[in-house]
N, C-alpha and C. Protein backbone atom coordinates (compact mmCIF):
# COMPACT_ATOMS: atom_id res chain seq x y z
N MET A 1 93.39 65.13 74.30
CA MET A 1 92.18 64.86 73.67
C MET A 1 92.14 65.49 72.25
N PHE A 2 91.75 64.76 71.27
CA PHE A 2 91.67 65.38 69.85
C PHE A 2 90.23 65.36 69.43
N ASN A 3 89.77 66.42 68.58
CA ASN A 3 88.44 66.38 68.05
C ASN A 3 88.61 65.55 66.78
N ILE A 4 87.39 65.60 65.97
CA ILE A 4 87.21 64.69 64.96
C ILE A 4 88.15 65.05 63.77
N MET A 5 88.69 66.31 63.86
CA MET A 5 89.65 66.76 62.86
C MET A 5 91.05 66.47 63.29
N GLY A 6 91.21 65.82 64.28
CA GLY A 6 92.64 65.44 64.79
C GLY A 6 93.34 66.71 65.48
N LYS A 7 92.58 67.61 65.86
CA LYS A 7 93.21 68.95 66.39
C LYS A 7 93.16 69.03 67.92
N ARG A 8 94.14 69.53 68.48
CA ARG A 8 94.15 69.83 69.88
C ARG A 8 93.28 71.09 70.28
N LYS A 9 92.43 70.94 71.30
CA LYS A 9 91.50 72.18 71.57
C LYS A 9 92.12 73.12 72.62
N VAL A 10 91.82 74.46 72.21
CA VAL A 10 92.33 75.44 73.11
C VAL A 10 91.22 76.41 73.60
N ALA A 11 91.14 76.52 74.91
CA ALA A 11 90.14 77.55 75.37
C ALA A 11 90.93 78.84 75.67
N ILE A 12 90.35 80.00 75.24
CA ILE A 12 90.96 81.27 75.73
C ILE A 12 90.11 82.01 76.58
N ILE A 13 90.67 82.62 77.60
CA ILE A 13 89.91 83.44 78.66
C ILE A 13 90.58 84.84 78.53
N ASP A 14 89.91 85.80 78.00
CA ASP A 14 90.53 87.10 77.89
C ASP A 14 89.35 88.10 77.90
N THR A 15 89.55 89.11 78.74
CA THR A 15 88.55 90.22 78.82
C THR A 15 88.71 91.31 77.75
N HIS A 16 89.67 91.23 76.87
CA HIS A 16 89.96 92.10 75.86
C HIS A 16 89.65 91.55 74.50
N PRO A 17 88.57 91.83 73.95
CA PRO A 17 88.01 91.33 72.68
C PRO A 17 89.04 91.34 71.51
N ILE A 18 89.84 92.44 71.39
CA ILE A 18 90.75 92.53 70.33
C ILE A 18 91.95 91.55 70.42
N VAL A 19 92.34 91.31 71.77
CA VAL A 19 93.42 90.32 72.00
C VAL A 19 92.91 89.02 71.88
N LEU A 20 91.74 88.73 72.27
CA LEU A 20 91.01 87.41 72.13
C LEU A 20 90.83 87.09 70.58
N GLY A 21 90.37 88.01 69.73
CA GLY A 21 90.17 87.83 68.42
C GLY A 21 91.59 87.50 67.66
N GLY A 22 92.73 88.14 68.15
CA GLY A 22 93.95 87.97 67.50
C GLY A 22 94.48 86.56 67.89
N LEU A 23 94.35 86.21 69.15
CA LEU A 23 94.77 84.93 69.56
C LEU A 23 94.05 83.87 68.77
N THR A 24 92.74 84.05 68.68
CA THR A 24 91.90 82.88 68.03
C THR A 24 92.45 82.80 66.56
N GLN A 25 92.61 83.84 65.86
CA GLN A 25 93.16 83.77 64.54
C GLN A 25 94.48 82.99 64.48
N ILE A 26 95.32 83.37 65.41
CA ILE A 26 96.70 82.75 65.32
C ILE A 26 96.60 81.34 65.59
N ILE A 27 95.83 80.87 66.50
CA ILE A 27 95.72 79.44 66.84
C ILE A 27 94.97 78.62 65.78
N ASN A 28 93.87 79.26 65.32
CA ASN A 28 93.07 78.51 64.23
C ASN A 28 93.87 78.44 62.97
N HIS A 29 94.88 79.18 62.83
CA HIS A 29 95.69 79.15 61.63
C HIS A 29 96.54 77.88 61.51
N GLU A 30 96.76 77.24 62.69
CA GLU A 30 97.56 76.05 62.75
C GLU A 30 96.76 74.89 62.54
N ALA A 31 97.49 73.82 61.77
CA ALA A 31 96.74 72.73 61.39
C ALA A 31 96.43 71.69 62.47
N ASP A 32 97.07 71.80 63.59
CA ASP A 32 96.96 70.83 64.52
C ASP A 32 96.18 71.43 65.84
N LEU A 33 95.73 72.71 65.70
CA LEU A 33 95.23 73.41 66.85
C LEU A 33 93.87 74.05 66.43
N THR A 34 92.88 74.13 67.46
CA THR A 34 91.59 74.89 67.21
C THR A 34 91.19 75.45 68.52
N VAL A 35 90.51 76.64 68.35
CA VAL A 35 90.08 77.26 69.55
C VAL A 35 88.64 76.64 69.82
N CYS A 36 88.25 76.19 70.85
CA CYS A 36 87.10 75.54 71.17
C CYS A 36 86.20 76.40 72.02
N ALA A 37 86.74 77.44 72.78
CA ALA A 37 85.91 78.37 73.59
C ALA A 37 86.62 79.71 73.55
N GLU A 38 85.90 80.81 73.42
CA GLU A 38 86.45 82.11 73.63
C GLU A 38 85.50 82.78 74.74
N ILE A 39 86.19 83.00 75.73
CA ILE A 39 85.44 83.34 77.09
C ILE A 39 85.95 84.77 77.42
N THR A 40 85.06 85.83 77.64
CA THR A 40 85.39 87.13 78.08
C THR A 40 85.06 87.44 79.45
N ASP A 41 84.31 86.60 80.04
CA ASP A 41 83.78 86.78 81.44
C ASP A 41 84.52 85.88 82.50
N PHE A 42 85.25 86.36 83.30
CA PHE A 42 86.08 85.67 84.22
C PHE A 42 84.95 84.81 85.23
N ALA A 43 83.86 85.45 85.50
CA ALA A 43 82.94 84.77 86.38
C ALA A 43 82.22 83.54 85.71
N ALA A 44 82.17 83.57 84.37
CA ALA A 44 81.58 82.47 83.69
C ALA A 44 82.59 81.36 83.14
N ALA A 45 83.92 81.66 83.47
CA ALA A 45 85.10 80.99 82.86
C ALA A 45 85.10 79.54 83.27
N LEU A 46 85.03 79.25 84.49
CA LEU A 46 85.30 77.94 84.94
C LEU A 46 84.13 76.93 84.32
N PRO A 47 82.90 77.29 84.47
CA PRO A 47 81.83 76.46 83.77
C PRO A 47 82.06 76.32 82.29
N ALA A 48 82.55 77.34 81.64
CA ALA A 48 82.70 77.33 80.27
C ALA A 48 83.91 76.28 79.86
N VAL A 49 84.91 76.39 80.64
CA VAL A 49 85.95 75.49 80.51
C VAL A 49 85.54 74.08 80.80
N THR A 50 84.79 73.71 81.66
CA THR A 50 84.20 72.49 82.03
C THR A 50 83.44 71.99 80.82
N ALA A 51 82.60 72.82 80.22
CA ALA A 51 81.77 72.40 79.21
C ALA A 51 82.49 72.19 77.79
N SER A 52 83.42 72.94 77.56
CA SER A 52 84.12 72.83 76.35
C SER A 52 85.25 71.92 76.34
N ARG A 53 85.70 71.37 77.45
CA ARG A 53 86.67 70.25 77.56
C ARG A 53 88.01 70.45 76.64
N PRO A 54 88.68 71.56 76.86
CA PRO A 54 89.86 71.75 76.02
C PRO A 54 90.99 70.95 76.52
N ASP A 55 92.02 70.96 75.67
CA ASP A 55 93.32 70.21 75.94
C ASP A 55 94.27 71.27 76.70
N ILE A 56 93.99 72.49 76.62
CA ILE A 56 94.83 73.52 77.22
C ILE A 56 94.02 74.87 77.43
N VAL A 57 94.44 75.57 78.37
CA VAL A 57 93.59 76.89 78.51
C VAL A 57 94.63 78.03 78.54
N ILE A 58 94.27 79.07 78.00
CA ILE A 58 95.23 80.23 77.89
C ILE A 58 94.29 81.42 78.61
N ILE A 59 94.89 82.01 79.80
CA ILE A 59 94.33 83.00 80.56
C ILE A 59 95.06 84.29 80.60
N ASP A 60 94.43 85.31 80.08
CA ASP A 60 94.99 86.57 80.21
C ASP A 60 94.93 87.27 81.58
N ILE A 61 95.87 87.61 82.32
CA ILE A 61 95.74 88.28 83.59
C ILE A 61 96.17 89.69 83.48
N SER A 62 96.07 90.27 82.38
CA SER A 62 96.43 91.51 82.23
C SER A 62 95.50 92.64 82.66
N ASP A 63 94.24 92.21 82.82
CA ASP A 63 93.16 93.12 83.16
C ASP A 63 93.43 93.78 84.50
N LYS A 64 93.41 94.98 84.65
CA LYS A 64 93.67 95.59 86.00
C LYS A 64 92.66 95.34 86.99
N GLU A 65 91.44 94.88 86.74
CA GLU A 65 90.52 94.47 87.49
C GLU A 65 90.64 93.06 88.11
N ALA A 66 91.61 92.46 87.55
CA ALA A 66 91.60 90.95 87.79
C ALA A 66 92.79 90.39 88.49
N GLY A 67 92.73 90.46 89.83
CA GLY A 67 93.51 89.70 90.79
C GLY A 67 92.87 88.46 90.61
N HIS A 68 91.61 88.58 90.13
CA HIS A 68 90.72 87.48 89.70
C HIS A 68 91.55 86.57 88.85
N GLY A 69 92.49 87.12 87.95
CA GLY A 69 93.16 86.38 87.04
C GLY A 69 93.91 85.24 87.68
N ILE A 70 94.59 85.50 88.66
CA ILE A 70 95.50 84.46 89.35
C ILE A 70 94.53 83.59 90.01
N ASP A 71 93.51 84.09 90.65
CA ASP A 71 92.35 83.24 91.29
C ASP A 71 91.89 82.31 90.32
N LEU A 72 91.66 82.73 89.14
CA LEU A 72 91.08 81.89 88.08
C LEU A 72 92.00 80.74 87.66
N VAL A 73 93.36 81.09 87.58
CA VAL A 73 94.31 80.09 87.30
C VAL A 73 94.19 78.94 88.29
N LYS A 74 94.09 79.35 89.66
CA LYS A 74 94.13 78.33 90.65
C LYS A 74 92.81 77.50 90.48
N ALA A 75 91.66 78.23 90.21
CA ALA A 75 90.46 77.53 90.09
C ALA A 75 90.47 76.55 88.90
N VAL A 76 91.06 76.96 87.82
CA VAL A 76 90.95 75.95 86.65
C VAL A 76 91.92 74.81 86.94
N ALA A 77 93.26 75.19 87.53
CA ALA A 77 94.21 74.20 87.80
C ALA A 77 93.55 73.06 88.72
N SER A 78 92.80 73.55 89.65
CA SER A 78 92.30 72.77 90.79
C SER A 78 91.10 71.78 90.24
N ALA A 79 90.25 72.49 89.46
CA ALA A 79 89.10 71.72 88.79
C ALA A 79 89.43 70.81 87.73
N HIS A 80 90.56 71.22 87.00
CA HIS A 80 90.92 70.35 85.92
C HIS A 80 92.52 70.16 85.90
N PRO A 81 92.92 69.39 86.87
CA PRO A 81 94.26 69.17 87.02
C PRO A 81 95.07 68.56 85.80
N ASP A 82 94.47 67.94 84.83
CA ASP A 82 95.13 67.29 83.72
C ASP A 82 95.02 68.27 82.53
N THR A 83 94.42 69.45 82.76
CA THR A 83 94.39 70.55 81.62
C THR A 83 95.37 71.50 81.96
N PRO A 84 96.45 71.63 81.27
CA PRO A 84 97.39 72.72 81.53
C PRO A 84 96.96 74.05 81.28
N VAL A 85 97.43 75.05 81.98
CA VAL A 85 97.07 76.43 81.80
C VAL A 85 98.39 77.16 81.48
N ILE A 86 98.17 78.06 80.50
CA ILE A 86 99.19 78.99 80.05
C ILE A 86 98.68 80.56 80.52
N VAL A 87 99.48 81.17 81.15
CA VAL A 87 99.24 82.64 81.50
C VAL A 87 99.86 83.49 80.45
N LEU A 88 98.88 84.46 79.99
CA LEU A 88 99.14 85.50 79.10
C LEU A 88 99.33 86.85 79.84
N SER A 89 100.34 87.58 79.73
CA SER A 89 100.39 88.91 80.54
C SER A 89 101.18 89.85 79.70
N MET A 90 100.83 91.13 79.98
CA MET A 90 101.55 92.31 79.47
C MET A 90 102.83 92.48 80.15
N ARG A 91 103.05 91.80 81.25
CA ARG A 91 104.22 92.01 82.01
C ARG A 91 105.32 90.90 81.82
N ASN A 92 106.41 91.29 81.26
CA ASN A 92 107.51 90.33 81.03
C ASN A 92 108.39 90.39 82.24
N GLU A 93 107.90 89.96 83.41
CA GLU A 93 108.79 90.08 84.64
C GLU A 93 108.61 88.68 85.33
N SER A 94 109.78 88.19 85.80
CA SER A 94 109.66 86.87 86.53
C SER A 94 108.87 86.96 87.83
N PHE A 95 108.71 88.17 88.39
CA PHE A 95 107.96 88.36 89.57
C PHE A 95 106.47 87.80 89.39
N TYR A 96 105.88 88.18 88.22
CA TYR A 96 104.58 87.76 87.97
C TYR A 96 104.42 86.27 87.59
N ALA A 97 105.56 85.87 86.84
CA ALA A 97 105.68 84.47 86.37
C ALA A 97 105.64 83.56 87.56
N GLU A 98 106.46 83.89 88.56
CA GLU A 98 106.58 83.01 89.79
C GLU A 98 105.23 82.95 90.50
N ILE A 99 104.39 83.97 90.63
CA ILE A 99 103.05 83.90 91.12
C ILE A 99 102.09 83.08 90.31
N ALA A 100 102.29 83.23 88.99
CA ALA A 100 101.47 82.40 88.00
C ALA A 100 101.76 80.86 88.19
N PHE A 101 103.13 80.49 88.30
CA PHE A 101 103.42 79.11 88.42
C PHE A 101 102.96 78.61 89.79
N ARG A 102 103.10 79.35 90.78
CA ARG A 102 102.62 78.91 92.25
C ARG A 102 101.10 78.87 92.16
N ALA A 103 100.43 79.36 91.28
CA ALA A 103 98.99 79.29 91.28
C ALA A 103 98.50 78.02 90.51
N GLY A 104 99.54 77.38 89.67
CA GLY A 104 99.16 76.26 88.96
C GLY A 104 99.36 76.23 87.41
N ALA A 105 99.84 77.43 86.91
CA ALA A 105 100.11 77.56 85.52
C ALA A 105 101.27 76.69 85.08
N LYS A 106 101.24 76.21 83.89
CA LYS A 106 102.35 75.44 83.31
C LYS A 106 103.20 76.14 82.27
N GLY A 107 102.74 77.54 81.98
CA GLY A 107 103.44 78.31 80.98
C GLY A 107 103.23 79.70 81.30
N TYR A 108 104.10 80.58 80.83
CA TYR A 108 104.00 81.96 81.03
C TYR A 108 104.47 82.65 79.80
N ILE A 109 103.58 83.47 79.14
CA ILE A 109 103.99 84.18 77.96
C ILE A 109 103.58 85.66 77.97
N SER A 110 104.51 86.41 77.42
CA SER A 110 104.17 87.79 77.50
C SER A 110 103.63 88.25 76.08
N MET A 111 102.85 89.35 76.08
CA MET A 111 102.20 89.96 74.87
C MET A 111 103.25 90.37 73.91
N SER A 112 104.41 90.50 74.44
CA SER A 112 105.56 90.99 73.53
C SER A 112 106.08 89.98 72.65
N GLU A 113 105.71 88.73 72.90
CA GLU A 113 106.13 87.55 72.15
C GLU A 113 105.49 87.62 70.76
N SER A 114 106.09 86.85 69.79
CA SER A 114 105.72 86.74 68.52
C SER A 114 104.61 85.69 68.29
N PRO A 115 103.80 85.62 67.28
CA PRO A 115 102.87 84.50 67.16
C PRO A 115 103.52 83.18 67.09
N CYS A 116 104.69 83.17 66.38
CA CYS A 116 105.35 81.82 66.41
C CYS A 116 105.90 81.38 67.77
N GLN A 117 106.28 82.32 68.61
CA GLN A 117 106.60 82.06 70.03
C GLN A 117 105.36 81.59 70.70
N ILE A 118 104.23 82.18 70.60
CA ILE A 118 103.08 81.80 71.26
C ILE A 118 102.69 80.27 71.07
N ILE A 119 102.72 79.97 69.60
CA ILE A 119 102.32 78.70 69.15
C ILE A 119 103.29 77.65 69.82
N ALA A 120 104.50 78.10 69.84
CA ALA A 120 105.57 77.15 70.30
C ALA A 120 105.44 76.84 71.68
N ALA A 121 105.04 77.98 72.38
CA ALA A 121 104.73 77.75 73.88
C ALA A 121 103.51 76.85 74.05
N VAL A 122 102.51 77.06 73.26
CA VAL A 122 101.36 76.10 73.38
C VAL A 122 101.66 74.71 73.12
N ARG A 123 102.33 74.43 72.16
CA ARG A 123 102.79 73.06 71.79
C ARG A 123 103.70 72.49 72.79
N LYS A 124 104.64 73.31 73.36
CA LYS A 124 105.48 72.78 74.52
C LYS A 124 104.73 72.40 75.67
N VAL A 125 103.73 73.24 76.09
CA VAL A 125 102.98 72.90 77.27
C VAL A 125 102.02 71.68 76.98
N LEU A 126 101.51 71.55 75.84
CA LEU A 126 100.78 70.24 75.45
C LEU A 126 101.52 69.01 75.57
N ASP A 127 102.88 69.15 75.33
CA ASP A 127 103.76 68.14 75.48
C ASP A 127 104.34 67.88 76.95
N ASN A 128 103.58 68.44 77.84
CA ASN A 128 103.92 68.23 79.30
C ASN A 128 105.10 68.97 79.80
N CYS A 129 105.48 69.92 79.05
CA CYS A 129 106.73 70.79 79.49
C CYS A 129 106.31 72.04 80.01
N ILE A 130 107.09 72.72 80.79
CA ILE A 130 106.98 74.03 81.43
C ILE A 130 107.50 75.00 80.35
N HIS A 131 106.78 76.13 80.23
CA HIS A 131 107.29 77.10 79.23
C HIS A 131 107.50 78.46 79.88
N VAL A 132 108.58 78.94 79.90
CA VAL A 132 108.93 80.43 80.20
C VAL A 132 109.97 81.07 79.34
N SER A 133 110.06 82.22 79.03
CA SER A 133 111.03 82.66 77.94
C SER A 133 112.33 82.51 78.64
N GLU A 134 113.33 82.44 77.75
CA GLU A 134 114.72 82.19 78.20
C GLU A 134 115.31 83.24 79.06
N THR A 135 114.90 84.46 78.69
CA THR A 135 115.37 85.70 79.57
C THR A 135 114.69 85.50 81.09
N MET A 136 113.44 85.30 81.05
CA MET A 136 112.92 85.25 82.25
C MET A 136 113.20 84.00 83.07
N ALA A 137 113.63 82.88 82.42
CA ALA A 137 114.03 81.65 83.02
C ALA A 137 115.50 82.00 83.75
N THR A 138 116.18 82.67 83.02
CA THR A 138 117.54 83.10 83.57
C THR A 138 117.33 83.98 84.89
N ASP A 139 116.45 84.83 84.79
CA ASP A 139 116.25 85.77 85.91
C ASP A 139 115.62 84.93 87.05
N ILE A 140 114.76 84.01 86.87
CA ILE A 140 114.19 83.29 88.02
C ILE A 140 115.32 82.42 88.64
N ILE A 141 116.07 81.76 87.75
CA ILE A 141 117.25 80.92 88.31
C ILE A 141 118.16 81.77 89.09
N SER A 142 118.53 82.94 88.51
CA SER A 142 119.48 83.86 89.21
C SER A 142 118.87 84.34 90.62
N ARG A 143 117.63 84.59 90.59
CA ARG A 143 117.02 85.03 91.89
C ARG A 143 116.93 83.79 92.91
N LEU A 144 116.66 82.53 92.35
CA LEU A 144 116.65 81.50 93.32
C LEU A 144 118.01 81.17 93.93
N ALA A 145 118.96 81.34 92.97
CA ALA A 145 120.35 81.03 93.31
C ALA A 145 120.89 81.90 94.50
N GLY A 146 120.42 83.39 94.20
CA GLY A 146 120.70 84.36 95.14
C GLY A 146 120.10 84.19 96.42
N ASN A 147 118.76 83.72 96.41
CA ASN A 147 118.04 83.43 97.59
C ASN A 147 118.69 82.44 98.44
N SER A 148 119.19 81.29 97.77
CA SER A 148 119.72 80.21 98.46
C SER A 148 121.06 80.59 99.28
N LYS A 149 121.91 81.72 98.72
CA LYS A 149 122.96 82.15 99.35
C LYS A 149 122.68 83.11 100.41
N SER A 150 121.76 84.05 100.31
CA SER A 150 121.43 85.19 101.12
C SER A 150 120.32 84.84 102.16
N GLY A 151 119.33 83.93 101.68
CA GLY A 151 118.25 83.73 102.67
C GLY A 151 117.21 84.66 102.57
N GLN A 152 117.33 85.60 101.58
CA GLN A 152 116.30 86.68 101.41
C GLN A 152 115.26 86.17 100.40
N ASP A 153 114.12 87.00 100.33
CA ASP A 153 113.13 86.40 99.44
C ASP A 153 113.26 87.12 97.94
N GLY A 154 114.32 87.68 97.65
CA GLY A 154 114.52 88.04 96.41
C GLY A 154 113.85 89.29 95.71
N MET A 155 113.11 89.92 96.47
CA MET A 155 112.41 91.25 96.10
C MET A 155 113.45 92.21 95.82
N THR A 156 114.64 92.29 96.51
CA THR A 156 115.56 93.25 96.22
C THR A 156 116.15 93.19 94.73
N MET A 157 116.01 92.00 94.11
CA MET A 157 116.40 91.93 92.75
C MET A 157 115.51 92.78 91.87
N TYR A 158 114.45 93.38 92.31
CA TYR A 158 113.56 94.20 91.41
C TYR A 158 114.07 95.83 91.83
N GLY A 159 115.21 95.95 92.52
CA GLY A 159 115.54 97.30 92.77
C GLY A 159 115.02 97.91 94.06
N PHE A 160 114.45 97.11 94.78
CA PHE A 160 113.68 97.57 96.08
C PHE A 160 114.91 97.88 97.07
N THR A 161 114.70 98.95 97.81
CA THR A 161 115.54 99.24 98.96
C THR A 161 115.07 98.31 100.15
N ASP A 162 115.87 98.20 101.17
CA ASP A 162 115.39 97.42 102.27
C ASP A 162 113.96 97.88 102.81
N ARG A 163 113.88 99.31 102.93
CA ARG A 163 112.72 99.93 103.40
C ARG A 163 111.57 99.71 102.48
N GLU A 164 111.76 99.80 101.20
CA GLU A 164 110.63 99.58 100.26
C GLU A 164 110.17 98.22 100.31
N LEU A 165 111.11 97.25 100.56
CA LEU A 165 110.78 95.83 100.68
C LEU A 165 109.86 95.61 101.96
N GLU A 166 110.16 96.34 103.02
CA GLU A 166 109.45 96.20 104.29
C GLU A 166 108.10 96.81 104.03
N VAL A 167 107.95 97.91 103.44
CA VAL A 167 106.65 98.60 103.12
C VAL A 167 105.85 97.65 102.34
N PHE A 168 106.42 97.14 101.25
CA PHE A 168 105.68 96.25 100.22
C PHE A 168 105.03 95.03 101.11
N LEU A 169 105.86 94.48 101.95
CA LEU A 169 105.40 93.26 102.67
C LEU A 169 104.27 93.66 103.54
N HIS A 170 104.33 94.93 104.35
CA HIS A 170 103.41 95.26 105.20
C HIS A 170 102.06 95.63 104.47
N ILE A 171 102.26 96.22 103.37
CA ILE A 171 100.99 96.52 102.43
C ILE A 171 100.38 95.02 102.15
N GLY A 172 101.16 94.14 101.90
CA GLY A 172 100.53 92.78 101.58
C GLY A 172 99.95 92.16 102.84
N GLN A 173 100.32 92.50 103.88
CA GLN A 173 99.77 92.05 105.18
C GLN A 173 98.50 92.83 105.65
N GLY A 174 98.13 93.83 104.92
CA GLY A 174 96.96 94.50 105.12
C GLY A 174 97.07 95.92 105.92
N LEU A 175 98.26 96.37 106.25
CA LEU A 175 98.46 97.51 107.00
C LEU A 175 98.24 98.76 106.17
N THR A 176 97.63 99.85 106.58
CA THR A 176 97.33 101.03 106.01
C THR A 176 98.79 101.78 106.04
N VAL A 177 98.71 102.86 105.11
CA VAL A 177 99.96 103.66 105.13
C VAL A 177 100.24 104.30 106.48
N ARG A 178 99.10 104.70 107.09
CA ARG A 178 99.37 105.31 108.49
C ARG A 178 99.83 104.30 109.45
N GLN A 179 99.34 103.21 109.38
CA GLN A 179 99.82 102.02 110.48
C GLN A 179 101.33 101.72 110.20
N ILE A 180 101.61 101.65 108.77
CA ILE A 180 103.04 101.45 108.42
C ILE A 180 103.94 102.66 108.94
N ALA A 181 103.41 103.85 108.82
CA ALA A 181 104.32 104.98 109.27
C ALA A 181 104.41 104.95 110.77
N GLU A 182 103.46 104.53 111.54
CA GLU A 182 103.64 104.60 113.07
C GLU A 182 104.47 103.35 113.36
N LYS A 183 104.53 102.19 112.65
CA LYS A 183 105.30 101.13 112.96
C LYS A 183 106.91 101.50 112.78
N PHE A 184 107.14 102.35 111.71
CA PHE A 184 108.45 102.64 111.47
C PHE A 184 108.89 104.06 111.98
N HIS A 185 107.88 104.71 112.65
CA HIS A 185 108.22 106.00 113.18
C HIS A 185 108.61 107.02 112.12
N ARG A 186 107.93 106.91 110.96
CA ARG A 186 108.08 107.83 109.89
C ARG A 186 106.77 108.56 109.62
N SER A 187 106.90 109.62 108.87
CA SER A 187 105.62 110.36 108.42
C SER A 187 104.95 109.63 107.49
N VAL A 188 103.67 109.94 107.33
CA VAL A 188 102.82 109.26 106.18
C VAL A 188 103.34 109.61 104.99
N LYS A 189 103.79 110.93 104.77
CA LYS A 189 104.26 111.25 103.43
C LYS A 189 105.55 110.53 103.09
N THR A 190 106.41 110.17 104.03
CA THR A 190 107.53 109.20 103.64
C THR A 190 107.07 107.84 103.11
N ILE A 191 106.08 107.30 103.83
CA ILE A 191 105.66 105.95 103.47
C ILE A 191 104.94 106.02 102.10
N GLU A 192 104.19 107.18 101.85
CA GLU A 192 103.52 107.33 100.52
C GLU A 192 104.61 107.42 99.45
N ALA A 193 105.69 108.03 99.78
CA ALA A 193 106.78 108.12 98.76
C ALA A 193 107.37 106.85 98.50
N HIS A 194 107.51 105.99 99.53
CA HIS A 194 107.98 104.61 99.30
C HIS A 194 107.06 103.77 98.37
N ARG A 195 105.69 103.95 98.71
CA ARG A 195 104.73 103.28 98.00
C ARG A 195 104.83 103.73 96.52
N GLU A 196 104.90 105.06 96.12
CA GLU A 196 105.07 105.47 94.75
C GLU A 196 106.32 104.80 94.16
N HIS A 197 107.42 104.72 94.82
CA HIS A 197 108.60 104.17 94.24
C HIS A 197 108.42 102.70 93.75
N ILE A 198 107.57 102.06 94.71
CA ILE A 198 107.41 100.48 94.59
C ILE A 198 106.44 100.41 93.32
N LYS A 199 105.54 101.24 93.18
CA LYS A 199 104.60 101.12 91.97
C LYS A 199 105.39 101.48 90.68
N LYS A 200 106.29 102.35 90.76
CA LYS A 200 107.01 102.58 89.57
C LYS A 200 107.99 101.29 89.24
N LYS A 201 108.61 100.81 90.20
CA LYS A 201 109.51 99.64 89.96
C LYS A 201 108.81 98.48 89.55
N LEU A 202 107.54 98.26 90.02
CA LEU A 202 106.79 97.03 89.45
C LEU A 202 105.94 97.46 88.25
N LYS A 203 105.93 98.74 87.86
CA LYS A 203 105.19 99.07 86.64
C LYS A 203 103.76 98.86 86.99
N LEU A 204 103.12 99.32 88.07
CA LEU A 204 101.75 99.32 88.40
C LEU A 204 101.13 100.54 88.22
N GLY A 205 99.72 100.54 87.72
CA GLY A 205 99.20 101.77 87.45
C GLY A 205 98.49 102.43 88.66
N ASN A 206 98.14 101.80 89.68
CA ASN A 206 97.42 102.44 90.75
C ASN A 206 97.71 101.62 92.07
N THR A 207 97.14 102.37 93.17
CA THR A 207 97.29 101.68 94.50
C THR A 207 96.57 100.45 94.68
N THR A 208 95.44 100.37 94.04
CA THR A 208 94.62 98.96 94.14
C THR A 208 95.40 97.88 93.52
N GLU A 209 96.01 98.19 92.36
CA GLU A 209 96.83 97.16 91.73
C GLU A 209 98.09 96.74 92.63
N LEU A 210 98.63 97.77 93.26
CA LEU A 210 99.76 97.51 94.24
C LEU A 210 99.36 96.64 95.36
N LEU A 211 98.20 96.86 95.87
CA LEU A 211 97.66 96.20 97.04
C LEU A 211 97.41 94.75 96.64
N ARG A 212 96.75 94.45 95.44
CA ARG A 212 96.46 93.09 95.03
C ARG A 212 97.81 92.34 94.74
N HIS A 213 98.96 92.97 94.22
CA HIS A 213 100.12 92.23 93.97
C HIS A 213 100.88 91.93 95.27
N ALA A 214 100.90 92.99 96.23
CA ALA A 214 101.42 92.71 97.53
C ALA A 214 100.84 91.64 98.35
N VAL A 215 99.49 91.48 98.18
CA VAL A 215 98.79 90.47 99.03
C VAL A 215 99.13 89.12 98.24
N GLN A 216 99.13 89.09 97.05
CA GLN A 216 99.64 87.79 96.38
C GLN A 216 100.93 87.45 96.62
N TRP A 217 101.93 88.39 96.73
CA TRP A 217 103.28 88.00 97.06
C TRP A 217 103.39 87.44 98.43
N VAL A 218 102.70 88.11 99.49
CA VAL A 218 102.70 87.67 100.75
C VAL A 218 102.16 86.18 100.85
N GLU A 219 101.07 85.87 100.08
CA GLU A 219 100.52 84.52 99.98
C GLU A 219 101.42 83.56 99.42
N TYR A 220 102.17 84.01 98.36
CA TYR A 220 103.15 83.21 97.68
C TYR A 220 104.33 82.77 98.57
N GLN A 221 104.78 83.90 99.37
CA GLN A 221 105.77 83.57 100.41
C GLN A 221 105.46 82.53 101.49
N ARG A 222 104.20 82.70 101.83
CA ARG A 222 103.68 81.81 102.91
C ARG A 222 103.56 80.45 102.27
N SER A 223 103.03 80.19 101.02
CA SER A 223 102.84 78.95 100.53
C SER A 223 104.24 78.22 100.21
N ALA A 224 105.24 79.07 100.11
CA ALA A 224 106.53 78.51 99.61
C ALA A 224 107.44 78.07 100.85
N THR A 225 106.93 78.29 102.09
CA THR A 225 107.60 78.07 103.26
C THR A 225 107.04 76.78 103.96
């Protein structure tokens, strides 16, 4: 859908005003693109997208309070299946990209990418293509190839030990540290140490964030089978 100026319309959902403003400037600088909605509230995002009728939606999932971010990707993709979604994230890792694509995203870009790369990603997705960085694509393909040979879920590609992988999956299934300790006949301190190692390897800031990502990973695994 083009507006009267012949530009493709972009809606941006971002809880960070500075990032939102920067993205808006980058996009509005392009002759063929225009920002039709700047949305800072996840709760109001879906109605705002519906009202603004964009050609593409960019959703920043970097907010630590927003496991809601992936949920919003699912909601927008479900309500507007013909409107592609690009996920913007501080995390340049295929782990998060896979979850985003499973939720319905058509593109995944890192905040470390240049304005030119971001614009190229927007145009690529508008042309009905999937976008992910070359490095991340290689990682995803390598993991999938490894999975097909080993039958494992690929989490060890992130440097997880077997025990850390088991702890991560049990966290995602809702078990407490004490319950996991009892299951493996280990001390609570040992399981807490595994949990801290997992947080560091996934570059997560706190236990709440770890829980959210573990739950999302378990859901991802279930939906993939």
